[in-house]
């Protein structure tokens, strides 16, 4: 016997889709404004992500992977410290 929560994601998607369809049917102008705001936010995230990806050089990324892997072999808990240090460096650089 399967649990009722097995298809929870499908049910949530169906409820969201039906709710959005009803919202569009009742007030299409508000739905358009909502979608435009989501689009603007998504475009801003794409711009910021692409700028950050361009700032990382092709040589630096493999070296970061090697550094993290080597620190994990040396001491497993040290891996998280190396990652935290690199995130702090990136945060300061931005």
Protein backbone atom coordinates (compact mmCIF):
# COMPACT_ATOMS: atom_id res chain seq x y z
CA UNK A 1 0.00 0.00 0.00
CA UNK A 2 1.36 3.41 -0.95
CA UNK A 3 1.26 6.36 1.34
CA UNK A 4 -1.05 9.25 0.41
CA UNK A 5 1.91 11.65 0.38
CA UNK A 6 3.64 9.82 -2.47
CA UNK A 7 2.15 12.10 -5.09
CA UNK A 8 2.39 15.25 -2.99
CA UNK A 9 4.51 17.13 -5.56
CA UNK A 10 2.02 16.27 -8.30
CA UNK A 11 -0.87 17.49 -6.17
CA UNK A 12 0.94 20.74 -5.32
CA UNK A 13 1.70 21.32 -8.99
CA UNK A 14 -1.94 20.66 -9.94
CA UNK A 15 -3.25 23.03 -7.27
CA UNK A 16 -0.78 25.74 -8.34
CA UNK A 17 -1.69 25.33 -12.01
CA UNK A 18 -5.43 25.41 -11.36
CA UNK A 19 -5.06 28.37 -9.00
CA UNK A 20 -3.02 30.31 -11.53
CA UNK A 21 -5.53 29.50 -14.29
CA UNK A 22 -8.37 30.79 -12.09
CA UNK A 23 -6.38 33.92 -11.27
CA UNK A 24 -5.75 34.60 -14.96
CA UNK A 25 -9.41 34.01 -15.74
CA UNK A 26 -10.65 36.36 -13.02
CA UNK A 27 -8.10 39.14 -13.32
CA UNK A 28 -5.75 38.93 -16.27
CA UNK A 29 -4.18 42.35 -15.65
CA UNK A 30 -3.03 41.36 -12.13
CA UNK A 31 -1.74 38.05 -13.47
CA UNK A 32 0.24 39.88 -16.17
CA UNK A 33 1.76 42.23 -13.58
CA UNK A 34 2.71 39.28 -11.38
CA UNK A 35 4.38 37.42 -14.23
CA UNK A 36 6.22 40.58 -15.33
CA UNK A 37 7.63 41.02 -11.79
CA UNK A 38 8.78 37.39 -11.75
CA UNK A 39 10.39 37.88 -15.16
CA UNK A 40 12.24 41.01 -14.03
CA UNK A 41 13.53 39.25 -10.91
CA UNK A 42 14.60 36.21 -12.93
CA UNK A 43 16.39 38.42 -15.47
CA UNK A 44 18.25 40.20 -12.67
CA UNK A 45 19.34 36.84 -11.23
CA UNK A 46 20.53 35.72 -14.68
CA UNK A 47 22.56 38.91 -15.11
CA UNK A 48 24.17 38.60 -11.66
CA UNK A 49 24.93 34.92 -12.16
CA UNK A 50 26.47 35.40 -15.58
CA UNK A 51 28.62 38.27 -14.26
CA UNK A 52 29.83 36.07 -11.39
CA UNK A 53 30.52 33.18 -13.75
CA UNK A 54 32.57 35.40 -16.05
CA UNK A 55 34.63 36.66 -13.11
CA UNK A 56 35.77 33.12 -12.31
CA UNK A 57 38.65 32.22 -14.54
CA UNK A 58 38.85 28.83 -16.23
CA UNK A 59 42.07 28.06 -14.36
CA UNK A 60 40.84 28.97 -10.90
CA UNK A 61 37.87 26.58 -10.79
CA UNK A 62 39.82 23.29 -11.27
CA UNK A 63 42.41 24.47 -8.75
CA UNK A 64 39.62 25.13 -6.26
CA UNK A 65 38.36 21.57 -6.74
CA UNK A 66 41.83 20.16 -6.18
CA UNK A 67 42.29 22.30 -3.06
CA UNK A 68 38.98 21.17 -1.58
CA UNK A 69 39.65 17.50 -2.41
CA UNK A 70 43.15 17.62 -0.93
CA UNK A 71 41.89 19.26 2.25
CA UNK A 72 39.19 16.58 2.51
CA UNK A 73 41.79 13.82 2.25
CA UNK A 74 43.95 15.48 4.90
CA UNK A 75 41.13 16.09 7.36
CA UNK A 76 37.44 15.69 6.42
CA UNK A 77 36.26 18.54 8.64
CA UNK A 78 38.87 20.85 7.07
CA UNK A 79 37.02 20.66 3.74
CA UNK A 80 34.20 22.83 5.10
CA UNK A 81 36.68 25.37 6.45
CA UNK A 82 38.35 25.65 3.02
CA UNK A 83 34.97 26.14 1.35
CA UNK A 84 34.01 28.79 3.92
CA UNK A 85 37.33 30.59 3.38
CA UNK A 86 36.86 30.61 -0.39
CA UNK A 87 33.30 31.91 -0.04
CA UNK A 88 34.57 34.71 2.22
CA UNK A 89 37.24 35.60 -0.36
CA UNK A 90 34.64 35.69 -3.13
CA UNK A 91 32.33 37.79 -0.98
CA UNK A 92 35.11 40.30 -0.28
CA UNK A 93 36.02 40.42 -3.98
CA UNK A 94 32.48 41.23 -5.00
